């Protein structure tokens, strides 16, 4: 699934309906990932993790760490430290 880059977010729409989104707030050399949303119709397909991976990729390029204030992102970082420890602002 491809996501559109917006102002401090990545998202996917189907027609006019927002079906997936992740938002973040820049904070100096870090970003605070504060919200993840996946429409009920797409849940269970790994879309939320793909959104996180899209932000991770972008922040790696910008040499920024991620503050995971979104409960989903925080849990994902804790569940998969081998994948996210390098980008996690602790």
PDB file of N, CA and C in Angstrom:
ATOM      1  N   UNK A   1       0.848  -1.181   0.000  1.00  0.00           N
ATOM      2  CA  UNK A   1       0.000   0.000   0.000  1.00  0.00           C
ATOM      3  C   UNK A   1       0.890   1.240   0.000  1.00  0.00           C
ATOM      4  N   UNK A   2       0.581   2.165  -0.840  1.00  0.00           N
ATOM      5  CA  UNK A   2       1.316   3.424  -0.929  1.00  0.00           C
ATOM      6  C   UNK A   2       0.609   4.482  -0.083  1.00  0.00           C
ATOM      7  N   UNK A   3       1.403   5.291   0.600  1.00  0.00           N
ATOM      8  CA  UNK A   3       0.864   6.363   1.424  1.00  0.00           C
ATOM      9  C   UNK A   3       1.272   7.708   0.850  1.00  0.00           C
ATOM     10  N   UNK A   4       0.392   8.681   1.004  1.00  0.00           N
ATOM     11  CA  UNK A   4       0.648  10.050   0.564  1.00  0.00           C
ATOM     12  C   UNK A   4       1.335  10.780   1.708  1.00  0.00           C
ATOM     13  N   UNK A   5       2.369  11.558   1.374  1.00  0.00           N
ATOM     14  CA  UNK A   5       3.036  12.373   2.390  1.00  0.00           C
ATOM     15  C   UNK A   5       2.339  13.716   2.443  1.00  0.00           C
ATOM     16  N   UNK A   6       1.887  14.069   3.629  1.00  0.00           N
ATOM     17  CA  UNK A   6       1.267  15.375   3.840  1.00  0.00           C
ATOM     18  C   UNK A   6       2.106  16.178   4.810  1.00  0.00           C
ATOM     19  N   UNK A   7       1.537  17.227   5.359  1.00  0.00           N
ATOM     20  CA  UNK A   7       2.224  18.022   6.369  1.00  0.00           C
ATOM     21  C   UNK A   7       2.266  17.242   7.669  1.00  0.00           C
ATOM     22  N   UNK A   8       3.438  16.736   8.014  1.00  0.00           N
ATOM     23  CA  UNK A   8       3.655  15.981   9.249  1.00  0.00           C
ATOM     24  C   UNK A   8       2.731  14.767   9.378  1.00  0.00           C
ATOM     25  N   UNK A   9       2.493  14.114   8.259  1.00  0.00           N
ATOM     26  CA  UNK A   9       1.688  12.895   8.285  1.00  0.00           C
ATOM     27  C   UNK A   9       1.867  12.106   6.997  1.00  0.00           C
ATOM     28  N   UNK A  10       1.518  10.843   7.089  1.00  0.00           N
ATOM     29  CA  UNK A  10       1.372   9.983   5.922  1.00  0.00           C
ATOM     30  C   UNK A  10      -0.038   9.424   6.010  1.00  0.00           C
ATOM     31  N   UNK A  11      -0.687   9.284   4.848  1.00  0.00           N
ATOM     32  CA  UNK A  11      -2.074   8.831   4.889  1.00  0.00           C
ATOM     33  C   UNK A  11      -2.462   8.136   3.594  1.00  0.00           C
ATOM     34  N   UNK A  12      -3.618   7.499   3.651  1.00  0.00           N
ATOM     35  CA  UNK A  12      -4.202   6.828   2.483  1.00  0.00           C
ATOM     36  C   UNK A  12      -5.689   7.127   2.486  1.00  0.00           C
ATOM     37  N   UNK A  13      -6.192   7.512   1.334  1.00  0.00           N
ATOM     38  CA  UNK A  13      -7.631   7.741   1.164  1.00  0.00           C
ATOM     39  C   UNK A  13      -8.164   6.788   0.112  1.00  0.00           C
ATOM     40  N   UNK A  14      -9.395   6.404   0.276  1.00  0.00           N
ATOM     41  CA  UNK A  14     -10.135   5.670  -0.754  1.00  0.00           C
ATOM     42  C   UNK A  14     -11.301   6.570  -1.124  1.00  0.00           C
ATOM     43  N   UNK A  15     -11.194   7.202  -2.278  1.00  0.00           N
ATOM     44  CA  UNK A  15     -12.157   8.240  -2.638  1.00  0.00           C
ATOM     45  C   UNK A  15     -11.931   9.418  -1.709  1.00  0.00           C
ATOM     46  N   UNK A  16     -12.987   9.864  -1.057  1.00  0.00           N
ATOM     47  CA  UNK A  16     -12.878  10.960  -0.097  1.00  0.00           C
ATOM     48  C   UNK A  16     -12.688  10.475   1.335  1.00  0.00           C
ATOM     49  N   UNK A  17     -12.676   9.168   1.526  1.00  0.00           N
ATOM     50  CA  UNK A  17     -12.618   8.600   2.876  1.00  0.00           C
ATOM     51  C   UNK A  17     -11.184   8.326   3.307  1.00  0.00           C
ATOM     52  N   UNK A  18     -10.811   8.867   4.468  1.00  0.00           N
ATOM     53  CA  UNK A  18      -9.508   8.584   5.066  1.00  0.00           C
ATOM     54  C   UNK A  18      -9.554   7.168   5.637  1.00  0.00           C
ATOM     55  N   UNK A  19      -8.628   6.304   5.185  1.00  0.00           N
ATOM     56  CA  UNK A  19      -8.641   4.910   5.655  1.00  0.00           C
ATOM     57  C   UNK A  19      -7.406   4.546   6.480  1.00  0.00           C
ATOM     58  N   UNK A  20      -6.365   5.375   6.418  1.00  0.00           N
ATOM     59  CA  UNK A  20      -5.172   5.117   7.217  1.00  0.00           C
ATOM     60  C   UNK A  20      -4.385   6.416   7.358  1.00  0.00           C
ATOM     61  N   UNK A  21      -3.804   6.611   8.562  1.00  0.00           N
ATOM     62  CA  UNK A  21      -3.063   7.849   8.790  1.00  0.00           C
ATOM     63  C   UNK A  21      -2.127   7.672   9.977  1.00  0.00           C
ATOM     64  N   UNK A  22      -0.972   8.322   9.882  1.00  0.00           N
ATOM     65  CA  UNK A  22      -0.056   8.455  11.006  1.00  0.00           C
ATOM     66  C   UNK A  22       0.412   9.896  11.015  1.00  0.00           C
ATOM     67  N   UNK A  23       0.444  10.505  12.212  1.00  0.00           N
ATOM     68  CA  UNK A  23       0.837  11.906  12.317  1.00  0.00           C
ATOM     69  C   UNK A  23       2.004  12.047  13.291  1.00  0.00           C
ATOM     70  N   UNK A  24       2.763  13.107  13.080  1.00  0.00           N
ATOM     71  CA  UNK A  24       3.909  13.367  13.952  1.00  0.00           C
ATOM     72  C   UNK A  24       4.141  14.863  14.083  1.00  0.00           C
ATOM     73  N   UNK A  25       4.824  15.235  15.187  1.00  0.00           N
ATOM     74  CA  UNK A  25       5.129  16.625  15.464  1.00  0.00           C
ATOM     75  C   UNK A  25       6.649  16.768  15.545  1.00  0.00           C
ATOM     76  N   UNK A  26       7.251  17.613  14.706  1.00  0.00           N
ATOM     77  CA  UNK A  26       8.700  17.826  14.769  1.00  0.00           C
ATOM     78  C   UNK A  26       9.107  18.471  16.098  1.00  0.00           C
ATOM     79  N   UNK A  27      10.211  17.986  16.664  1.00  0.00           N
ATOM     80  CA  UNK A  27      10.761  18.525  17.915  1.00  0.00           C
ATOM     81  C   UNK A  27      12.279  18.512  17.796  1.00  0.00           C
ATOM     82  N   UNK A  28      12.858  19.568  17.245  1.00  0.00           N
ATOM     83  CA  UNK A  28      14.307  19.680  17.048  1.00  0.00           C
ATOM     84  C   UNK A  28      14.835  18.496  16.249  1.00  0.00           C
ATOM     85  N   UNK A  29      15.682  17.655  16.872  1.00  0.00           N
ATOM     86  CA  UNK A  29      16.287  16.525  16.160  1.00  0.00           C
ATOM     87  C   UNK A  29      15.464  15.244  16.298  1.00  0.00           C
ATOM     88  N   UNK A  30      14.206  15.395  16.745  1.00  0.00           N
ATOM     89  CA  UNK A  30      13.308  14.253  16.932  1.00  0.00           C
ATOM     90  C   UNK A  30      11.946  14.576  16.333  1.00  0.00           C
ATOM     91  N   UNK A  31      11.110  13.550  16.248  1.00  0.00           N
ATOM     92  CA  UNK A  31       9.702  13.752  15.930  1.00  0.00           C
ATOM     93  C   UNK A  31       8.878  12.944  16.921  1.00  0.00           C
ATOM     94  N   UNK A  32       7.756  13.487  17.316  1.00  0.00           N
ATOM     95  CA  UNK A  32       6.838  12.818  18.223  1.00  0.00           C
ATOM     96  C   UNK A  32       5.717  12.208  17.373  1.00  0.00           C
ATOM     97  N   UNK A  33       5.726  10.881  17.248  1.00  0.00           N
ATOM     98  CA  UNK A  33       4.656  10.201  16.514  1.00  0.00           C
ATOM     99  C   UNK A  33       3.501  10.048  17.498  1.00  0.00           C
ATOM    100  N   UNK A  34       2.433  10.813  17.258  1.00  0.00           N
ATOM    101  CA  UNK A  34       1.387  10.957  18.262  1.00  0.00           C
ATOM    102  C   UNK A  34       0.034  10.347  17.901  1.00  0.00           C
ATOM    103  N   UNK A  35      -0.100   9.808  16.696  1.00  0.00           N
ATOM    104  CA  UNK A  35      -1.426   9.302  16.314  1.00  0.00           C
ATOM    105  C   UNK A  35      -1.299   8.317  15.151  1.00  0.00           C
ATOM    106  N   UNK A  36      -1.990   7.196  15.284  1.00  0.00           N
ATOM    107  CA  UNK A  36      -2.090   6.223  14.191  1.00  0.00           C
ATOM    108  C   UNK A  36      -3.557   5.826  14.071  1.00  0.00           C
ATOM    109  N   UNK A  37      -4.043   5.786  12.832  1.00  0.00           N
ATOM    110  CA  UNK A  37      -5.435   5.399  12.581  1.00  0.00           C
ATOM    111  C   UNK A  37      -5.478   4.466  11.386  1.00  0.00           C
ATOM    112  N   UNK A  38      -6.236   3.379  11.533  1.00  0.00           N
ATOM    113  CA  UNK A  38      -6.524   2.481  10.415  1.00  0.00           C
ATOM    114  C   UNK A  38      -8.020   2.174  10.466  1.00  0.00           C
ATOM    115  N   UNK A  39      -8.692   2.380   9.348  1.00  0.00           N
ATOM    116  CA  UNK A  39     -10.120   2.117   9.257  1.00  0.00           C
ATOM    117  C   UNK A  39     -10.416   0.660   9.605  1.00  0.00           C
ATOM    118  N   UNK A  40     -11.546   0.447  10.217  1.00  0.00           N
ATOM    119  CA  UNK A  40     -11.980  -0.896  10.634  1.00  0.00           C
ATOM    120  C   UNK A  40     -11.895  -1.900   9.481  1.00  0.00           C
ATOM    121  N   UNK A  41     -12.204  -1.465   8.273  1.00  0.00           N
ATOM    122  CA  UNK A  41     -12.214  -2.365   7.111  1.00  0.00           C
ATOM    123  C   UNK A  41     -10.823  -2.884   6.748  1.00  0.00           C
ATOM    124  N   UNK A  42      -9.769  -2.215   7.222  1.00  0.00           N
ATOM    125  CA  UNK A  42      -8.393  -2.605   6.880  1.00  0.00           C
ATOM    126  C   UNK A  42      -7.609  -3.196   8.052  1.00  0.00           C
ATOM    127  N   UNK A  43      -8.222  -3.266   9.207  1.00  0.00           N
ATOM    128  CA  UNK A  43      -7.497  -3.743  10.390  1.00  0.00           C
ATOM    129  C   UNK A  43      -7.138  -5.218  10.252  1.00  0.00           C
ATOM    130  N   UNK A  44      -6.021  -5.569  10.885  1.00  0.00           N
ATOM    131  CA  UNK A  44      -5.550  -6.948  10.850  1.00  0.00           C
ATOM    132  C   UNK A  44      -4.700  -7.277   9.636  1.00  0.00           C
ATOM    133  N   UNK A  45      -4.365  -6.280   8.838  1.00  0.00           N
ATOM    134  CA  UNK A  45      -3.584  -6.494   7.620  1.00  0.00           C
ATOM    135  C   UNK A  45      -2.168  -5.910   7.708  1.00  0.00           C
ATOM    136  N   UNK A  46      -1.785  -5.440   8.894  1.00  0.00           N
ATOM    137  CA  UNK A  46      -0.448  -4.885   9.065  1.00  0.00           C
ATOM    138  C   UNK A  46      -0.288  -3.462   8.558  1.00  0.00           C
ATOM    139  N   UNK A  47      -1.387  -2.777   8.305  1.00  0.00           N
ATOM    140  CA  UNK A  47      -1.333  -1.421   7.746  1.00  0.00           C
ATOM    141  C   UNK A  47      -0.703  -0.445   8.737  1.00  0.00           C
ATOM    142  N   UNK A  48      -1.039  -0.548  10.007  1.00  0.00           N
ATOM    143  CA  UNK A  48      -0.490   0.378  11.001  1.00  0.00           C
ATOM    144  C   UNK A  48       1.032   0.250  11.073  1.00  0.00           C
ATOM    145  N   UNK A  49       1.544  -0.975  11.060  1.00  0.00           N
ATOM    146  CA  UNK A  49       2.996  -1.146  11.087  1.00  0.00           C
ATOM    147  C   UNK A  49       3.636  -0.600   9.814  1.00  0.00           C
ATOM    148  N   UNK A  50       2.964  -0.731   8.691  1.00  0.00           N
ATOM    149  CA  UNK A  50       3.486  -0.164   7.442  1.00  0.00           C
ATOM    150  C   UNK A  50       3.548   1.362   7.525  1.00  0.00           C
ATOM    151  N   UNK A  51       2.564   1.969   8.170  1.00  0.00           N
ATOM    152  CA  UNK A  51       2.598   3.415   8.383  1.00  0.00           C
ATOM    153  C   UNK A  51       3.803   3.792   9.243  1.00  0.00           C
ATOM    154  N   UNK A  52       4.011   3.052  10.325  1.00  0.00           N
ATOM    155  CA  UNK A  52       5.160   3.317  11.193  1.00  0.00           C
ATOM    156  C   UNK A  52       6.453   3.168  10.399  1.00  0.00           C
ATOM    157  N   UNK A  53       6.547   2.109   9.602  1.00  0.00           N
ATOM    158  CA  UNK A  53       7.759   1.890   8.817  1.00  0.00           C
ATOM    159  C   UNK A  53       7.998   3.022   7.820  1.00  0.00           C
ATOM    160  N   UNK A  54       6.940   3.601   7.324  1.00  0.00           N
ATOM    161  CA  UNK A  54       7.078   4.737   6.387  1.00  0.00           C
ATOM    162  C   UNK A  54       7.668   5.949   7.101  1.00  0.00           C
ATOM    163  N   UNK A  55       7.190   6.212   8.327  1.00  0.00           N
ATOM    164  CA  UNK A  55       7.746   7.313   9.118  1.00  0.00           C
ATOM    165  C   UNK A  55       9.196   7.004   9.489  1.00  0.00           C
ATOM    166  N   UNK A  56       9.474   5.777   9.893  1.00  0.00           N
ATOM    167  CA  UNK A  56      10.838   5.381  10.245  1.00  0.00           C
ATOM    168  C   UNK A  56      11.776   5.637   9.067  1.00  0.00           C
ATOM    169  N   UNK A  57      11.375   5.237   7.886  1.00  0.00           N
ATOM    170  CA  UNK A  57      12.195   5.443   6.694  1.00  0.00           C
ATOM    171  C   UNK A  57      12.483   6.926   6.468  1.00  0.00           C
ATOM    172  N   UNK A  58      11.467   7.738   6.612  1.00  0.00           N
ATOM    173  CA  UNK A  58      11.617   9.185   6.414  1.00  0.00           C
ATOM    174  C   UNK A  58      12.548   9.790   7.470  1.00  0.00           C
ATOM    175  N   UNK A  59      12.406   9.356   8.707  1.00  0.00           N
ATOM    176  CA  UNK A  59      13.222   9.911   9.787  1.00  0.00           C
ATOM    177  C   UNK A  59      14.664   9.412   9.725  1.00  0.00           C
ATOM    178  N   UNK A  60      14.873   8.215   9.221  1.00  0.00           N
ATOM    179  CA  UNK A  60      16.236   7.729   9.014  1.00  0.00           C
ATOM    180  C   UNK A  60      16.969   8.635   8.026  1.00  0.00           C
ATOM    181  N   UNK A  61      16.287   9.004   6.954  1.00  0.00           N
ATOM    182  CA  UNK A  61      16.882   9.893   5.947  1.00  0.00           C
ATOM    183  C   UNK A  61      17.206  11.266   6.535  1.00  0.00           C
ATOM    184  N   UNK A  62      16.357  11.720   7.453  1.00  0.00           N
ATOM    185  CA  UNK A  62      16.534  13.038   8.066  1.00  0.00           C
ATOM    186  C   UNK A  62      17.421  12.980   9.315  1.00  0.00           C
ATOM    187  N   UNK A  63      17.884  11.788   9.669  1.00  0.00           N
ATOM    188  CA  UNK A  63      18.728  11.578  10.854  1.00  0.00           C
ATOM    189  C   UNK A  63      18.034  12.067  12.123  1.00  0.00           C
ATOM    190  N   UNK A  64      16.759  11.683  12.266  1.00  0.00           N
ATOM    191  CA  UNK A  64      15.961  12.064  13.439  1.00  0.00           C
ATOM    192  C   UNK A  64      15.485  10.809  14.165  1.00  0.00           C
ATOM    193  N   UNK A  65      15.357  10.931  15.472  1.00  0.00           N
ATOM    194  CA  UNK A  65      14.830   9.853  16.310  1.00  0.00           C
ATOM    195  C   UNK A  65      13.327  10.053  16.488  1.00  0.00           C
ATOM    196  N   UNK A  66      12.639   8.985  16.896  1.00  0.00           N
ATOM    197  CA  UNK A  66      11.191   9.020  17.071  1.00  0.00           C
ATOM    198  C   UNK A  66      10.820   8.876  18.538  1.00  0.00           C
ATOM    199  N   UNK A  67       9.985   9.793  19.003  1.00  0.00           N
ATOM    200  CA  UNK A  67       9.363   9.699  20.322  1.00  0.00           C
ATOM    201  C   UNK A  67       7.999   9.040  20.084  1.00  0.00           C
ATOM    202  N   UNK A  68       7.756   7.841  20.596  1.00  0.00           N
ATOM    203  CA  UNK A  68       6.499   7.145  20.317  1.00  0.00           C
ATOM    204  C   UNK A  68       5.411   7.453  21.350  1.00  0.00           C
ATOM    205  N   UNK A  69       4.766   8.605  21.257  1.00  0.00           N
ATOM    206  CA  UNK A  69       3.707   8.919  22.219  1.00  0.00           C
ATOM    207  C   UNK A  69       2.372   8.270  21.859  1.00  0.00           C
ATOM    208  N   UNK A  70       2.217   7.838  20.630  1.00  0.00           N
ATOM    209  CA  UNK A  70       1.030   7.072  20.231  1.00  0.00           C
ATOM    210  C   UNK A  70       1.133   5.693  20.901  1.00  0.00           C
ATOM    211  N   UNK A  71       0.083   5.249  21.602  1.00  0.00           N
ATOM    212  CA  UNK A  71       0.143   3.955  22.282  1.00  0.00           C
ATOM    213  C   UNK A  71       0.486   2.785  21.354  1.00  0.00           C
ATOM    214  N   UNK A  72      -0.021   2.801  20.134  1.00  0.00           N
ATOM    215  CA  UNK A  72       0.291   1.718  19.200  1.00  0.00           C
ATOM    216  C   UNK A  72       1.781   1.709  18.871  1.00  0.00           C
ATOM    217  N   UNK A  73       2.341   2.868  18.564  1.00  0.00           N
ATOM    218  CA  UNK A  73       3.757   2.952  18.186  1.00  0.00           C
ATOM    219  C   UNK A  73       4.635   2.571  19.372  1.00  0.00           C
ATOM    220  N   UNK A  74       4.275   3.026  20.554  1.00  0.00           N
ATOM    221  CA  UNK A  74       5.035   2.667  21.754  1.00  0.00           C
ATOM    222  C   UNK A  74       5.053   1.149  21.951  1.00  0.00           C
ATOM    223  N   UNK A  75       3.903   0.513  21.822  1.00  0.00           N
ATOM    224  CA  UNK A  75       3.811  -0.946  21.975  1.00  0.00           C
ATOM    225  C   UNK A  75       4.600  -1.669  20.884  1.00  0.00           C
ATOM    226  N   UNK A  76       4.547  -1.170  19.665  1.00  0.00           N
ATOM    227  CA  UNK A  76       5.283  -1.779  18.552  1.00  0.00           C
ATOM    228  C   UNK A  76       6.784  -1.679  18.792  1.00  0.00           C
ATOM    229  N   UNK A  77       7.261  -0.531  19.230  1.00  0.00           N
ATOM    230  CA  UNK A  77       8.683  -0.354  19.518  1.00  0.00           C
ATOM    231  C   UNK A  77       9.133  -1.308  20.628  1.00  0.00           C
ATOM    232  N   UNK A  78       8.284  -1.501  21.638  1.00  0.00           N
ATOM    233  CA  UNK A  78       8.615  -2.417  22.738  1.00  0.00           C
ATOM    234  C   UNK A  78       8.585  -3.871  22.274  1.00  0.00           C
ATOM    235  N   UNK A  79       7.649  -4.205  21.394  1.00  0.00           N
ATOM    236  CA  UNK A  79       7.488  -5.575  20.913  1.00  0.00           C
ATOM    237  C   UNK A  79       8.585  -5.983  19.927  1.00  0.00           C
ATOM    238  N   UNK A  80       9.126  -5.013  19.180  1.00  0.00           N
ATOM    239  CA  UNK A  80      10.113  -5.321  18.146  1.00  0.00           C
ATOM    240  C   UNK A  80      11.360  -4.433  18.285  1.00  0.00           C
ATOM    241  N   UNK A  81      12.066  -4.546  19.407  1.00  0.00           N
ATOM    242  CA  UNK A  81      13.242  -3.679  19.598  1.00  0.00           C
ATOM    243  C   UNK A  81      14.319  -3.904  18.552  1.00  0.00           C
ATOM    244  N   UNK A  82      14.435  -5.119  18.043  1.00  0.00           N
ATOM    245  CA  UNK A  82      15.462  -5.398  17.029  1.00  0.00           C
ATOM    246  C   UNK A  82      15.215  -4.607  15.746  1.00  0.00           C
ATOM    247  N   UNK A  83      13.994  -4.218  15.521  1.00  0.00           N
ATOM    248  CA  UNK A  83      13.639  -3.475  14.315  1.00  0.00           C
ATOM    249  C   UNK A  83      13.661  -1.956  14.540  1.00  0.00           C
ATOM    250  N   UNK A  84      13.356  -1.527  15.780  1.00  0.00           N
ATOM    251  CA  UNK A  84      13.134  -0.092  16.009  1.00  0.00           C
ATOM    252  C   UNK A  84      14.064   0.579  17.026  1.00  0.00           C
ATOM    253  N   UNK A  85      14.894  -0.161  17.726  1.00  0.00           N
ATOM    254  CA  UNK A  85      15.742   0.462  18.753  1.00  0.00           C
ATOM    255  C   UNK A  85      16.637   1.569  18.192  1.00  0.00           C
ATOM    256  N   UNK A  86      17.097   1.406  16.967  1.00  0.00           N
ATOM    257  CA  UNK A  86      18.021   2.392  16.381  1.00  0.00           C
ATOM    258  C   UNK A  86      17.373   3.770  16.167  1.00  0.00           C
ATOM    259  N   UNK A  87      16.043   3.795  16.096  1.00  0.00           N
ATOM    260  CA  UNK A  87      15.328   5.040  15.781  1.00  0.00           C
ATOM    261  C   UNK A  87      14.556   5.571  16.995  1.00  0.00           C
ATOM    262  N   UNK A  88      14.447   4.760  18.038  1.00  0.00           N
ATOM    263  CA  UNK A  88      13.657   5.079  19.225  1.00  0.00           C
ATOM    264  C   UNK A  88      14.401   6.102  20.089  1.00  0.00           C
ATOM    265  N   UNK A  89      13.787   7.261  20.313  1.00  0.00           N
ATOM    266  CA  UNK A  89      14.354   8.284  21.207  1.00  0.00           C
ATOM    267  C   UNK A  89      13.980   7.915  22.626  1.00  0.00           C
ATOM    268  N   UNK A  90      14.961   7.488  23.387  1.00  0.00           N
ATOM    269  CA  UNK A  90      14.675   7.028  24.748  1.00  0.00           C
ATOM    270  C   UNK A  90      15.064   8.062  25.766  1.00  0.00           C
TER     271      UNK A  90
END
